[in-house]
Amino acid sequence: MNVSKAVARAIRAVGGDPSEPGWDWLALAIQVEESFRGYAKHLPLRTAIVYGGTDMNAQIVQLRRGVEILVATPGRLLDHVQNKTVMFNQVSVLVLDEADRMLDMGFLPDIKRIIALLPRERQNLLFSATFPDEIRTLAKTLLRDPAEIQVTPRFVAAELVTHVLHPVAREKKRELLAYLIQTRGLKQVLVFTGTRIGANRLAHQLRLDHIQADAIHGDKTQAEREAALADFKAGKTAVLVATDVASRGLDIEGLPQVINFDVPRSPEDYVHRIGRTGRAGLTGEAISLVAPEDMESLAAIERLIKQRIDRVLVPGFQPSGATVATLMGGQPSPRRSPPNVRRDRPPVKPADPIFSKPYEPGTAPPAPAKPEAPQQQSKRRQPQVAALLGGLKRA
């Protein structure tokens, strides 16, 4: 099979194993292929997509028909190379998307293997949401005298997105989330959690509260993920609970709200999460449920976006009075003392002055004063030197 006069678009993904983190690149690949198909509707350009987790034979049938635009994930593309079901001798353009995440998750060796199989004369395009020094080094390796185009400054949150946070006790987060969805009548909400297990649990608990919810993450099959996303886009599901790996791969037109159930540890992930809303000139809302232990992460987020997020207390869900003031003030709470340390106990002053005074070279602590012995005992405690020299004389 020849990829003739074509664009081979390599999107970082898990090498043929959809159960590992990174499934969002499969979703991104599908969306890109759908876009190409729409753009080429009235053009003599055939498109195809290959990715792991699906029947390889069906992809081979599609490739044998010939394509001009191939959208692929690196792992499955190398599978086709090994089976000799794809050739690259006529590739003229290579596009690498999400280069920074490819580098973060160790997919650079796969990309280099693919590049080594391509014709030397070609156009290379590299896209990256962030542009750290590692990506610049990669660009110098892969690109020749490249032109750099920067659409937006690094880590800038969408301007049409409003930010708000609700201080909440951690044990009341799920109840607050259900309360906000029901009282505000939210119909399409993307909720982010920190783990896949947490996403499943939260979606189940929301369904118990009579809220149509589903979870989407790497532990589900590709068919399950596509069905969950389709139901969410169609309005059949009101809440889609996702993990961080979905923050870049999901493209939902007109998404009104994003809720951070778990505050991300990385401030860059916050920017990527809320980037799912406020797109294409539409407004959006980013809501964060912040517990006292999230304050350090929140401070890092506010430093990155250079904006103080509005605090709104929801009666009945706020944390204890000792931490509400800290959360509302925006300063990280002090670190907790170990459980076995009591703050109300005054420090014990050392009895020995050597432990209480700072060290001074050439000085020694004063010797303790010897107590004076009573005069009555002075005669009884005469030094018995004579005993060492040959005996004592009796009086």
Protein backbone atom coordinates (compact mmCIF):
# COMPACT_ATOMS: atom_id res chain seq x y z
CA MET A 1 0.00 0.00 0.00
CA ASN A 2 1.26 3.46 -0.85
CA VAL A 3 0.53 6.61 1.10
CA SER A 4 0.74 8.70 -2.05
CA LYS A 5 1.22 12.48 -2.25
CA ALA A 6 0.20 12.41 1.34
CA VAL A 7 0.21 13.79 4.80
CA ALA A 8 1.16 11.22 7.44
CA ARG A 9 -0.02 12.69 10.71
CA ALA A 10 1.53 10.99 13.76
CA ILE A 11 -0.30 11.63 17.00
CA ARG A 12 1.19 10.38 20.24
CA ALA A 13 -0.70 7.42 21.69
CA VAL A 14 -0.23 4.17 23.54
CA GLY A 15 1.36 1.61 21.27
CA GLY A 16 -1.67 -0.51 20.47
CA ASP A 17 -2.80 -0.86 24.11
CA PRO A 18 -5.87 1.27 24.86
CA SER A 19 -5.91 0.19 28.51
CA GLU A 20 -2.91 2.36 29.32
CA PRO A 21 -3.07 6.16 29.90
CA GLY A 22 -3.09 8.09 26.64
CA TRP A 23 -6.32 6.92 25.04
CA ASP A 24 -7.17 10.59 24.42
CA TRP A 25 -4.79 10.58 21.48
CA LEU A 26 -7.00 7.92 19.90
CA ALA A 27 -9.97 10.24 20.34
CA LEU A 28 -7.89 13.08 18.93
CA ALA A 29 -6.88 10.95 15.95
CA ILE A 30 -10.54 10.17 15.24
CA GLN A 31 -11.48 13.84 15.42
CA VAL A 32 -8.63 14.84 13.11
CA GLU A 33 -9.59 12.21 10.55
CA GLU A 34 -13.21 13.37 10.66
CA SER A 35 -12.07 16.94 10.03
CA PHE A 36 -9.91 15.90 7.08
CA ARG A 37 -12.81 13.96 5.64
CA GLY A 38 -15.00 17.04 5.90
CA TYR A 39 -12.39 19.33 4.34
CA ALA A 40 -11.83 16.92 1.44
CA LYS A 41 -15.50 16.28 0.79
CA HIS A 42 -15.33 17.85 -2.68
CA LEU A 43 -11.66 17.07 -3.35
CA PRO A 44 -9.99 13.94 -4.77
CA LEU A 45 -8.36 13.15 -1.42
CA ARG A 46 -8.89 9.88 0.39
CA THR A 47 -8.36 9.66 4.14
CA ALA A 48 -7.73 6.77 6.50
CA ILE A 49 -7.03 6.28 10.18
CA VAL A 50 -5.09 3.58 12.01
CA TYR A 51 -4.87 3.19 15.78
CA GLY A 52 -4.58 0.45 18.36
CA GLY A 53 -7.36 -1.37 20.16
CA THR A 54 -9.36 -2.14 17.00
CA ASP A 55 -9.35 -4.78 14.28
CA MET A 56 -6.16 -4.50 12.24
CA ASN A 57 -7.60 -6.40 9.27
CA ALA A 58 -10.28 -3.77 8.72
CA GLN A 59 -7.53 -1.13 8.61
CA ILE A 60 -5.55 -3.17 6.09
CA VAL A 61 -8.57 -3.31 3.76
CA GLN A 62 -8.87 0.46 4.00
CA LEU A 63 -5.16 1.00 3.33
CA ARG A 64 -5.11 -1.25 0.28
CA ARG A 65 -7.60 1.05 -1.42
CA GLY A 66 -4.99 3.79 -1.31
CA VAL A 67 -5.07 7.04 0.66
CA GLU A 68 -3.67 10.54 0.38
CA ILE A 69 -4.05 11.50 4.04
CA LEU A 70 -3.19 9.02 6.78
CA VAL A 71 -3.97 9.81 10.41
CA ALA A 72 -2.15 7.42 12.73
CA THR A 73 -0.97 6.69 16.23
CA PRO A 74 2.72 5.69 16.32
CA GLY A 75 2.28 2.25 17.88
CA ARG A 76 -0.27 0.94 15.39
CA LEU A 77 1.55 2.58 12.50
CA LEU A 78 4.68 0.62 13.39
CA ASP A 79 2.55 -2.55 13.56
CA HIS A 80 1.56 -1.96 9.94
CA VAL A 81 5.19 -1.32 9.02
CA GLN A 82 6.20 -4.63 10.57
CA ASN A 83 3.43 -6.43 8.66
CA LYS A 84 4.42 -4.62 5.44
CA THR A 85 0.91 -3.27 4.96
CA VAL A 86 2.02 0.33 4.57
CA MET A 87 4.73 2.12 2.57
CA PHE A 88 6.05 5.66 2.91
CA ASN A 89 8.03 6.16 -0.30
CA GLN A 90 5.70 8.94 -1.55
CA VAL A 91 5.09 10.79 1.72
CA SER A 92 5.70 14.49 1.20
CA VAL A 93 4.46 16.01 4.48
CA LEU A 94 4.87 14.85 8.08
CA VAL A 95 2.90 16.47 10.91
CA LEU A 96 3.73 15.79 14.56
CA ASP A 97 1.00 16.96 16.90
CA GLU A 98 1.11 17.28 20.71
CA ALA A 99 4.89 17.01 20.60
CA ASP A 100 5.39 18.00 24.23
CA ARG A 101 3.15 15.20 25.50
CA MET A 102 4.83 12.70 23.18
CA LEU A 103 8.11 13.64 24.77
CA ASP A 104 6.73 13.51 28.33
CA MET A 105 5.42 9.97 27.95
CA GLY A 106 8.46 8.53 26.21
CA PHE A 107 7.18 8.10 22.65
CA LEU A 108 10.13 9.80 21.03
CA PRO A 109 11.84 6.49 20.04
CA ASP A 110 8.73 5.40 18.09
CA ILE A 111 8.59 8.74 16.31
CA LYS A 112 12.27 8.50 15.36
CA ARG A 113 11.71 5.00 13.96
CA ILE A 114 8.89 6.30 11.78
CA ILE A 115 10.89 9.31 10.61
CA ALA A 116 13.78 7.05 9.60
CA LEU A 117 11.42 5.29 7.15
CA LEU A 118 10.24 8.48 5.43
CA PRO A 119 11.76 10.11 2.33
CA ARG A 120 14.46 12.65 3.20
CA GLU A 121 12.85 15.34 1.05
CA ARG A 122 9.62 16.27 2.77
CA GLN A 123 7.94 19.05 4.72
CA ASN A 124 7.86 18.67 8.50
CA LEU A 125 5.36 20.41 10.76
CA LEU A 126 5.53 20.22 14.56
CA PHE A 127 2.73 21.40 16.82
CA SER A 128 2.95 21.69 20.59
CA ALA A 129 0.69 23.24 23.22
CA THR A 130 3.79 24.17 25.21
CA PHE A 131 7.30 24.86 23.99
CA PRO A 132 9.85 23.98 26.69
CA ASP A 133 13.57 23.63 26.01
CA GLU A 134 13.21 19.88 25.35
CA ILE A 135 10.80 20.57 22.49
CA ARG A 136 13.14 23.18 21.03
CA THR A 137 15.91 20.57 21.06
CA LEU A 138 13.58 18.09 19.36
CA ALA A 139 12.65 20.69 16.74
CA LYS A 140 16.32 21.33 15.93
CA THR A 141 16.80 17.59 15.47
CA LEU A 142 13.79 17.00 13.23
CA LEU A 143 13.37 20.32 11.44
CA ARG A 144 15.68 22.24 9.16
CA ASP A 145 15.70 26.02 9.50
CA PRO A 146 12.11 26.05 10.80
CA ALA A 147 9.84 29.08 11.02
CA GLU A 148 8.29 29.46 14.47
CA ILE A 149 4.67 30.59 14.79
CA GLN A 150 3.36 31.32 18.28
CA VAL A 151 -0.42 31.61 18.41
CA THR A 152 -0.75 32.46 22.11
CA PRO A 153 1.74 33.02 24.92
CA ARG A 154 2.72 30.01 27.00
CA PHE A 155 0.16 28.77 29.52
CA VAL A 156 -2.41 31.50 28.94
CA ALA A 157 -5.93 30.64 30.02
CA ALA A 158 -8.76 31.30 27.57
CA GLU A 159 -9.90 34.91 27.83
CA LEU A 160 -13.61 34.08 27.50
CA VAL A 161 -13.57 31.69 30.46
CA THR A 162 -14.66 32.91 33.89
CA HIS A 163 -13.02 31.28 36.91
CA VAL A 164 -14.67 30.58 40.25
CA LEU A 165 -13.81 28.32 43.17
CA HIS A 166 -15.91 26.99 46.02
CA PRO A 167 -14.11 26.26 49.32
CA VAL A 168 -15.38 22.91 50.52
CA ALA A 169 -14.56 20.20 53.03
CA ARG A 170 -13.09 17.24 51.16
CA GLU A 171 -15.71 14.83 52.46
CA LYS A 172 -18.47 17.09 51.10
CA LYS A 173 -17.13 17.51 47.55
CA ARG A 174 -19.42 14.97 45.94
CA GLU A 175 -22.49 16.42 47.67
CA LEU A 176 -21.53 19.94 46.59
CA LEU A 177 -21.04 18.83 43.00
CA ALA A 178 -24.50 17.25 42.88
CA TYR A 179 -25.98 20.35 44.55
CA LEU A 180 -24.44 22.70 41.96
CA ILE A 181 -25.58 20.58 39.02
CA GLN A 182 -29.15 20.23 40.29
CA THR A 183 -29.75 23.74 41.64
CA ARG A 184 -28.19 25.47 38.63
CA GLY A 185 -29.76 23.11 36.12
CA LEU A 186 -26.45 22.32 34.39
CA LYS A 187 -27.10 20.20 31.30
CA GLN A 188 -23.60 19.59 29.91
CA VAL A 189 -20.69 19.49 32.36
CA LEU A 190 -17.20 18.04 31.96
CA VAL A 191 -15.84 17.04 35.38
CA PHE A 192 -12.18 16.22 35.97
CA THR A 193 -10.87 13.82 38.60
CA GLY A 194 -7.33 12.79 39.48
CA THR A 195 -7.68 9.02 38.98
CA ARG A 196 -9.59 6.55 36.85
CA ILE A 197 -10.98 4.79 39.93
CA GLY A 198 -12.15 8.16 41.24
CA ALA A 199 -13.85 8.89 37.91
CA ASN A 200 -15.79 5.62 38.01
CA ARG A 201 -16.80 6.12 41.63
CA LEU A 202 -17.92 9.71 41.09
CA ALA A 203 -20.01 8.84 38.01
CA HIS A 204 -21.69 6.03 39.97
CA GLN A 205 -22.45 8.31 42.92
CA LEU A 206 -23.93 10.97 40.64
CA ARG A 207 -26.23 8.39 39.07
CA LEU A 208 -27.42 7.49 42.58
CA ASP A 209 -28.33 11.18 42.92
CA HIS A 210 -30.46 10.85 39.75
CA ILE A 211 -27.94 12.70 37.56
CA GLN A 212 -27.15 11.15 34.17
CA ALA A 213 -23.38 10.68 34.33
CA ASP A 214 -20.73 8.54 32.69
CA ALA A 215 -16.95 8.17 33.01
CA ILE A 216 -14.37 8.21 30.24
CA HIS A 217 -10.77 7.08 30.76
CA GLY A 218 -8.13 4.59 29.66
CA ASP A 219 -9.58 1.53 31.41
CA LYS A 220 -12.57 1.48 29.04
CA THR A 221 -12.58 0.02 25.55
CA GLN A 222 -12.49 2.30 22.56
CA ALA A 223 -16.10 1.44 21.75
CA GLU A 224 -17.17 2.36 25.29
CA ARG A 225 -15.30 5.66 25.14
CA GLU A 226 -16.78 6.59 21.78
CA ALA A 227 -20.30 5.73 23.01
CA ALA A 228 -19.86 7.79 26.20
CA LEU A 229 -18.56 10.79 24.25
CA ALA A 230 -21.34 10.52 21.66
CA ASP A 231 -24.03 10.41 24.36
CA PHE A 232 -22.49 13.44 26.06
CA LYS A 233 -22.38 15.45 22.84
CA ALA A 234 -25.95 14.45 22.03
CA GLY A 235 -27.21 15.58 25.44
CA LYS A 236 -28.18 12.10 26.62
CA THR A 237 -25.59 12.36 29.41
CA ALA A 238 -25.45 15.53 31.51
CA VAL A 239 -22.10 14.89 33.19
CA LEU A 240 -18.98 13.34 31.71
CA VAL A 241 -16.33 12.50 34.31
CA ALA A 242 -12.83 12.34 32.83
CA THR A 243 -9.22 12.02 33.92
CA ASP A 244 -6.41 14.40 32.98
CA VAL A 245 -5.43 12.39 29.91
CA ALA A 246 -8.68 13.57 28.30
CA SER A 247 -7.99 17.26 28.82
CA ARG A 248 -6.42 17.65 25.38
CA GLY A 249 -8.13 14.96 23.35
CA LEU A 250 -11.74 16.00 23.92
CA ASP A 251 -13.29 18.43 21.48
CA ILE A 252 -16.86 19.26 22.49
CA GLU A 253 -18.49 22.09 20.62
CA GLY A 254 -20.08 24.74 22.81
CA LEU A 255 -19.20 23.12 26.14
CA PRO A 256 -20.47 25.60 28.78
CA GLN A 257 -18.84 24.35 32.02
CA VAL A 258 -15.75 22.53 33.20
CA ILE A 259 -15.56 21.50 36.86
CA ASN A 260 -12.35 20.53 38.65
CA PHE A 261 -13.57 18.01 41.20
CA ASP A 262 -9.91 17.32 42.02
CA VAL A 263 -7.63 20.33 41.72
CA PRO A 264 -4.77 19.38 39.37
CA ARG A 265 -1.31 19.17 40.91
CA SER A 266 0.24 20.66 37.80
CA PRO A 267 -0.90 24.22 37.02
CA GLU A 268 -0.37 23.56 33.31
CA ASP A 269 -3.01 20.82 33.50
CA TYR A 270 -5.47 23.40 34.82
CA VAL A 271 -4.98 25.47 31.67
CA HIS A 272 -5.49 22.41 29.46
CA ARG A 273 -8.58 21.32 31.37
CA ILE A 274 -10.39 24.63 31.16
CA GLY A 275 -9.35 24.92 27.52
CA ARG A 276 -12.23 22.54 26.72
CA THR A 277 -14.67 25.45 27.28
CA GLY A 278 -14.76 29.01 26.00
CA ARG A 279 -13.83 28.03 22.44
CA ALA A 280 -14.68 29.45 19.05
CA GLY A 281 -15.70 32.82 20.47
CA LEU A 282 -18.11 31.35 23.01
CA THR A 283 -17.99 32.02 26.74
CA GLY A 284 -17.29 29.32 29.29
CA GLU A 285 -17.06 28.74 33.02
CA ALA A 286 -14.36 26.94 35.01
CA ILE A 287 -15.45 25.83 38.49
CA SER A 288 -13.04 24.36 41.04
CA LEU A 289 -13.96 22.59 44.27
CA VAL A 290 -11.08 23.46 46.60
CA ALA A 291 -10.40 21.69 49.89
CA PRO A 292 -7.89 23.02 52.44
CA GLU A 293 -5.21 20.58 51.26
CA ASP A 294 -5.51 21.99 47.71
CA MET A 295 -4.24 25.45 48.65
CA GLU A 296 -0.67 24.98 47.45
CA SER A 297 -1.86 23.73 44.07
CA LEU A 298 -4.31 26.62 43.84
CA ALA A 299 -1.57 29.15 44.59
CA ALA A 300 0.57 27.67 41.78
CA ILE A 301 -2.38 27.89 39.36
CA GLU A 302 -3.04 31.54 40.19
CA ARG A 303 0.63 32.38 39.72
CA LEU A 304 0.62 30.73 36.30
CA ILE A 305 -2.56 32.37 34.96
CA LYS A 306 -1.68 35.66 36.74
CA GLN A 307 -5.18 35.96 38.07
CA ARG A 308 -6.83 35.61 41.46
CA ILE A 309 -9.79 33.25 41.16
CA ASP A 310 -13.02 34.47 42.76
CA ARG A 311 -14.02 32.64 45.96
CA VAL A 312 -17.69 31.84 46.55
CA LEU A 313 -18.87 30.07 49.71
CA VAL A 314 -21.81 27.70 49.41
CA PRO A 315 -23.58 27.52 52.80
CA GLY A 316 -23.52 24.09 54.35
CA PHE A 317 -20.50 22.82 52.39
CA GLN A 318 -17.64 25.06 53.54
CA PRO A 319 -14.79 23.60 55.61
CA SER A 320 -14.25 24.34 59.28
CA GLY A 321 -13.98 27.94 60.43
CA ALA A 322 -10.23 27.62 61.04
CA THR A 323 -9.54 27.09 57.33
CA VAL A 324 -12.28 29.14 55.65
CA ALA A 325 -10.40 32.40 56.26
CA THR A 326 -7.25 30.95 54.71
CA LEU A 327 -9.12 29.66 51.67
CA MET A 328 -10.93 32.94 51.15
CA GLY A 329 -7.73 34.91 51.62
CA GLY A 330 -5.87 32.90 49.02
CA GLN A 331 -2.78 32.05 51.06
CA PRO A 332 -1.58 28.47 51.46
CA SER A 333 -2.37 27.07 54.88
CA PRO A 334 0.58 26.31 57.14
CA ARG A 335 1.88 22.79 57.15
CA ARG A 336 0.38 20.51 59.74
CA SER A 337 2.51 19.38 62.66
CA PRO A 338 3.05 15.67 63.09
CA PRO A 339 0.26 14.00 65.09
CA ASN A 340 2.50 13.31 68.10
CA VAL A 341 3.48 16.96 68.55
CA ARG A 342 1.28 19.08 70.81
CA ARG A 343 1.32 22.79 70.02
CA ASP A 344 0.01 23.78 73.48
CA ARG A 345 2.96 22.24 75.30
CA PRO A 346 5.79 24.75 75.95
CA PRO A 347 9.25 23.65 74.90
CA VAL A 348 11.34 22.09 77.65
CA LYS A 349 14.41 24.17 78.46
CA PRO A 350 17.57 22.04 78.47
CA ALA A 351 19.20 21.77 81.87
CA ASP A 352 22.72 21.66 80.49
CA PRO A 353 23.87 25.09 79.19
CA ILE A 354 25.83 23.43 76.37
CA PHE A 355 22.51 22.67 74.63
CA SER A 356 20.91 26.07 75.18
CA LYS A 357 23.79 28.40 74.19
CA PRO A 358 25.10 28.84 70.64
CA TYR A 359 28.47 27.37 69.95
CA GLU A 360 31.43 29.75 70.54
CA PRO A 361 34.86 28.58 69.35
CA GLY A 362 37.52 28.39 72.05
CA THR A 363 35.08 28.51 74.92
CA ALA A 364 33.79 25.86 77.24
CA PRO A 365 30.72 25.83 79.39
CA PRO A 366 31.32 26.90 82.99
CA ALA A 367 32.00 24.05 85.34
CA PRO A 368 29.25 23.49 87.87
CA ALA A 369 30.05 24.75 91.38
CA LYS A 370 31.02 22.05 93.86
CA PRO A 371 28.85 21.92 96.96
CA GLU A 372 30.67 22.70 100.20
CA ALA A 373 30.91 19.70 102.52
CA PRO A 374 29.94 20.15 106.20
CA GLN A 375 32.91 20.80 108.52
CA GLN A 376 32.02 17.78 110.70
CA GLN A 377 32.77 15.44 107.83
CA SER A 378 35.99 17.12 106.71
CA LYS A 379 38.17 15.10 109.08
CA ARG A 380 36.63 11.80 107.98
CA ARG A 381 37.27 12.48 104.31
CA GLN A 382 41.06 13.09 104.48
CA PRO A 383 42.89 12.01 101.32
CA GLN A 384 44.22 8.50 101.97
CA VAL A 385 47.41 8.93 99.98
CA ALA A 386 49.43 6.86 102.47
CA ALA A 387 47.39 3.81 101.63
CA LEU A 388 48.81 3.86 98.19
CA LEU A 389 52.38 4.25 99.48
CA GLY A 390 52.55 1.42 101.96
CA GLY A 391 49.83 1.56 104.55
CA LEU A 392 48.12 3.86 107.00
CA LYS A 393 49.35 4.81 110.45
CA ARG A 394 46.90 4.22 113.21
CA ALA A 395 46.23 7.17 115.50
